[in-house]
Amino acid sequence: MRLKPIAFVRNGVAERPEDWDEVESQLVFEEEFVEGLYRLGHFKHIWVVFGFHKMRETVLQVHPNKDPAKPLVGVFATRSPTRPNKLGLTLVELLSVRKNIVKVRGLDALDGSPVFDIKPYEEEIDY
């Protein structure tokens, strides 16, 4: 399976900040996918599937939150980016949808990260 980016993250964040909660990002969509944004603005939150494009290593056991005081756990029991397939998934607040730009808050992706998919958050499904 080959993944093709549908958008790229623009937020000016080059290194992981202490807190991602207030980071605002623009998802700049490729023109060929803009039609798929129709009525997305009706939602308050969306899921963003993105790539950890700067992460090269895979580490199968990590200390949660890079805290050596915490015991090692398997990477699949964490939110660590050192995953085999370098995919991230984050639920974010949807701020606006204008033309090919979707503005969100709380996305833990660095500037330039590829976006592979987005999905609306639906409370009755995503409880």
C-alpha atoms as a PDB file:
ATOM      1  CA  MET A   1       0.000   0.000   0.000  1.00  0.00           C
ATOM      2  CA  ARG A   2       1.278   3.439  -0.900  1.00  0.00           C
ATOM      3  CA  LEU A   3       0.018   6.516   0.875  1.00  0.00           C
ATOM      4  CA  LYS A   4      -0.307   9.794  -0.981  1.00  0.00           C
ATOM      5  CA  PRO A   5      -0.466  13.021   1.033  1.00  0.00           C
ATOM      6  CA  ILE A   6      -3.697  14.948   0.643  1.00  0.00           C
ATOM      7  CA  ALA A   7      -2.356  17.991   2.515  1.00  0.00           C
ATOM      8  CA  PHE A   8       0.643  19.314   4.413  1.00  0.00           C
ATOM      9  CA  VAL A   9       0.862  20.858   7.880  1.00  0.00           C
ATOM     10  CA  ARG A  10       1.869  24.515   8.166  1.00  0.00           C
ATOM     11  CA  ASN A  11       2.403  25.783  11.702  1.00  0.00           C
ATOM     12  CA  GLY A  12       6.018  26.982  11.972  1.00  0.00           C
ATOM     13  CA  VAL A  13       6.802  24.324  14.606  1.00  0.00           C
ATOM     14  CA  ALA A  14      10.240  22.807  13.922  1.00  0.00           C
ATOM     15  CA  GLU A  15      10.736  21.005  17.248  1.00  0.00           C
ATOM     16  CA  ARG A  16       8.345  19.347  19.686  1.00  0.00           C
ATOM     17  CA  PRO A  17       6.954  22.002  22.069  1.00  0.00           C
ATOM     18  CA  GLU A  18       6.149  21.363  25.730  1.00  0.00           C
ATOM     19  CA  ASP A  19       2.417  21.608  25.039  1.00  0.00           C
ATOM     20  CA  TRP A  20       0.637  20.994  21.737  1.00  0.00           C
ATOM     21  CA  ASP A  21      -2.802  22.017  23.017  1.00  0.00           C
ATOM     22  CA  GLU A  22      -2.646  25.633  21.880  1.00  0.00           C
ATOM     23  CA  VAL A  23      -0.700  25.104  18.644  1.00  0.00           C
ATOM     24  CA  GLU A  24      -2.745  26.223  15.653  1.00  0.00           C
ATOM     25  CA  SER A  25      -2.006  24.559  12.339  1.00  0.00           C
ATOM     26  CA  GLN A  26      -3.153  24.949   8.786  1.00  0.00           C
ATOM     27  CA  LEU A  27      -3.713  21.822   6.739  1.00  0.00           C
ATOM     28  CA  VAL A  28      -3.018  23.005   3.214  1.00  0.00           C
ATOM     29  CA  PHE A  29      -4.830  20.634   0.868  1.00  0.00           C
ATOM     30  CA  GLU A  30      -3.742  19.713  -2.621  1.00  0.00           C
ATOM     31  CA  GLU A  31      -6.226  21.209  -5.112  1.00  0.00           C
ATOM     32  CA  GLU A  32      -7.344  17.785  -6.348  1.00  0.00           C
ATOM     33  CA  PHE A  33      -8.800  16.992  -2.886  1.00  0.00           C
ATOM     34  CA  VAL A  34     -10.563  20.291  -2.094  1.00  0.00           C
ATOM     35  CA  GLU A  35     -13.940  18.971  -3.251  1.00  0.00           C
ATOM     36  CA  GLY A  36     -13.738  16.406  -0.430  1.00  0.00           C
ATOM     37  CA  LEU A  37     -13.833  19.216   2.168  1.00  0.00           C
ATOM     38  CA  TYR A  38     -17.470  20.012   1.330  1.00  0.00           C
ATOM     39  CA  ARG A  39     -19.471  20.426   4.595  1.00  0.00           C
ATOM     40  CA  LEU A  40     -16.504  19.525   6.828  1.00  0.00           C
ATOM     41  CA  GLY A  41     -17.008  22.870   8.566  1.00  0.00           C
ATOM     42  CA  HIS A  42     -20.139  21.529  10.291  1.00  0.00           C
ATOM     43  CA  PHE A  43     -17.993  19.549  12.711  1.00  0.00           C
ATOM     44  CA  LYS A  44     -16.282  20.805  15.870  1.00  0.00           C
ATOM     45  CA  HIS A  45     -13.499  18.193  15.893  1.00  0.00           C
ATOM     46  CA  ILE A  46     -11.747  16.015  13.320  1.00  0.00           C
ATOM     47  CA  TRP A  47      -9.276  13.157  13.361  1.00  0.00           C
ATOM     48  CA  VAL A  48      -6.044  13.829  11.462  1.00  0.00           C
ATOM     49  CA  VAL A  49      -3.879  10.967  10.174  1.00  0.00           C
ATOM     50  CA  PHE A  50      -0.405  12.285   9.431  1.00  0.00           C
ATOM     51  CA  GLY A  51       3.181  11.171   8.974  1.00  0.00           C
ATOM     52  CA  PHE A  52       6.084  11.677  11.352  1.00  0.00           C
ATOM     53  CA  HIS A  53       8.185  12.823   8.401  1.00  0.00           C
ATOM     54  CA  LYS A  54      11.327  13.649  10.399  1.00  0.00           C
ATOM     55  CA  MET A  55      11.365  10.466  12.477  1.00  0.00           C
ATOM     56  CA  ARG A  56      13.777   7.871  11.101  1.00  0.00           C
ATOM     57  CA  GLU A  57      14.295   5.444  13.959  1.00  0.00           C
ATOM     58  CA  THR A  58      11.978   2.750  15.220  1.00  0.00           C
ATOM     59  CA  VAL A  59      12.186   2.007  18.943  1.00  0.00           C
ATOM     60  CA  LEU A  60       9.896  -0.757  20.166  1.00  0.00           C
ATOM     61  CA  GLN A  61      10.212   0.024  23.885  1.00  0.00           C
ATOM     62  CA  VAL A  62      10.175   3.555  25.251  1.00  0.00           C
ATOM     63  CA  HIS A  63       9.765   5.514  28.453  1.00  0.00           C
ATOM     64  CA  PRO A  64       6.346   7.257  28.257  1.00  0.00           C
ATOM     65  CA  ASN A  65       6.745  10.975  27.504  1.00  0.00           C
ATOM     66  CA  LYS A  66      10.527  10.424  27.325  1.00  0.00           C
ATOM     67  CA  ASP A  67      10.582  10.299  31.130  1.00  0.00           C
ATOM     68  CA  PRO A  68      13.289   7.855  32.307  1.00  0.00           C
ATOM     69  CA  ALA A  69      11.609   7.721  35.725  1.00  0.00           C
ATOM     70  CA  LYS A  70       8.699   5.894  34.086  1.00  0.00           C
ATOM     71  CA  PRO A  71       9.164   2.188  33.327  1.00  0.00           C
ATOM     72  CA  LEU A  72       9.716   1.013  29.758  1.00  0.00           C
ATOM     73  CA  VAL A  73       6.620   0.029  27.792  1.00  0.00           C
ATOM     74  CA  GLY A  74       6.032  -1.182  24.248  1.00  0.00           C
ATOM     75  CA  VAL A  75       5.705   1.570  21.658  1.00  0.00           C
ATOM     76  CA  PHE A  76       2.176   0.399  20.841  1.00  0.00           C
ATOM     77  CA  ALA A  77       1.182   1.252  24.426  1.00  0.00           C
ATOM     78  CA  THR A  78       2.304   4.885  23.940  1.00  0.00           C
ATOM     79  CA  ARG A  79       1.863   7.878  21.668  1.00  0.00           C
ATOM     80  CA  SER A  80       5.572   7.841  20.749  1.00  0.00           C
ATOM     81  CA  PRO A  81       6.475   8.787  17.152  1.00  0.00           C
ATOM     82  CA  THR A  82       9.147   6.045  16.977  1.00  0.00           C
ATOM     83  CA  ARG A  83       6.636   3.658  15.404  1.00  0.00           C
ATOM     84  CA  PRO A  84       7.385   1.241  12.569  1.00  0.00           C
ATOM     85  CA  ASN A  85       5.054   2.990  10.075  1.00  0.00           C
ATOM     86  CA  LYS A  86       5.556   6.583  11.311  1.00  0.00           C
ATOM     87  CA  LEU A  87       1.818   7.355  11.347  1.00  0.00           C
ATOM     88  CA  GLY A  88       0.228   9.750  13.812  1.00  0.00           C
ATOM     89  CA  LEU A  89      -3.439  10.084  14.722  1.00  0.00           C
ATOM     90  CA  THR A  90      -4.741  13.101  16.618  1.00  0.00           C
ATOM     91  CA  LEU A  91      -8.181  14.399  17.496  1.00  0.00           C
ATOM     92  CA  VAL A  92      -8.112  18.167  16.948  1.00  0.00           C
ATOM     93  CA  GLU A  93     -10.427  21.129  17.268  1.00  0.00           C
ATOM     94  CA  LEU A  94     -11.637  22.313  13.874  1.00  0.00           C
ATOM     95  CA  LEU A  95     -11.379  26.109  13.684  1.00  0.00           C
ATOM     96  CA  SER A  96     -12.253  26.836  10.052  1.00  0.00           C
ATOM     97  CA  VAL A  97     -12.423  25.538   6.495  1.00  0.00           C
ATOM     98  CA  ARG A  98     -11.659  28.056   3.749  1.00  0.00           C
ATOM     99  CA  LYS A  99     -10.962  26.955   0.180  1.00  0.00           C
ATOM    100  CA  ASN A 100      -8.019  24.514   0.472  1.00  0.00           C
ATOM    101  CA  ILE A 101      -7.039  25.422   4.045  1.00  0.00           C
ATOM    102  CA  VAL A 102      -8.364  23.666   7.131  1.00  0.00           C
ATOM    103  CA  LYS A 103      -7.347  25.409  10.355  1.00  0.00           C
ATOM    104  CA  VAL A 104      -7.094  23.261  13.502  1.00  0.00           C
ATOM    105  CA  ARG A 105      -5.879  23.490  17.105  1.00  0.00           C
ATOM    106  CA  GLY A 106      -4.000  20.794  19.022  1.00  0.00           C
ATOM    107  CA  LEU A 107      -2.353  18.863  16.198  1.00  0.00           C
ATOM    108  CA  ASP A 108       0.924  17.330  17.392  1.00  0.00           C
ATOM    109  CA  ALA A 109       2.630  17.440  13.998  1.00  0.00           C
ATOM    110  CA  LEU A 110       5.673  19.407  12.917  1.00  0.00           C
ATOM    111  CA  ASP A 111       5.619  21.943  10.101  1.00  0.00           C
ATOM    112  CA  GLY A 112       5.729  20.160   6.746  1.00  0.00           C
ATOM    113  CA  SER A 113       4.234  16.889   7.994  1.00  0.00           C
ATOM    114  CA  PRO A 114       2.212  15.087   5.334  1.00  0.00           C
ATOM    115  CA  VAL A 115      -1.487  14.571   6.031  1.00  0.00           C
ATOM    116  CA  PHE A 116      -2.834  11.276   4.705  1.00  0.00           C
ATOM    117  CA  ASP A 117      -6.465  11.475   5.804  1.00  0.00           C
ATOM    118  CA  ILE A 118      -8.955  13.337   7.947  1.00  0.00           C
ATOM    119  CA  LYS A 119     -12.230  12.094   9.372  1.00  0.00           C
ATOM    120  CA  PRO A 120     -14.963  13.880  11.307  1.00  0.00           C
ATOM    121  CA  TYR A 121     -15.284  13.170  15.006  1.00  0.00           C
ATOM    122  CA  GLU A 122     -18.753  11.806  15.632  1.00  0.00           C
ATOM    123  CA  GLU A 123     -19.678  11.365  19.266  1.00  0.00           C
ATOM    124  CA  GLU A 124     -22.004   8.420  18.691  1.00  0.00           C
ATOM    125  CA  ILE A 125     -19.236   6.505  16.873  1.00  0.00           C
ATOM    126  CA  ASP A 126     -16.054   7.790  18.581  1.00  0.00           C
ATOM    127  CA  TYR A 127     -17.130   7.503  22.222  1.00  0.00           C
END
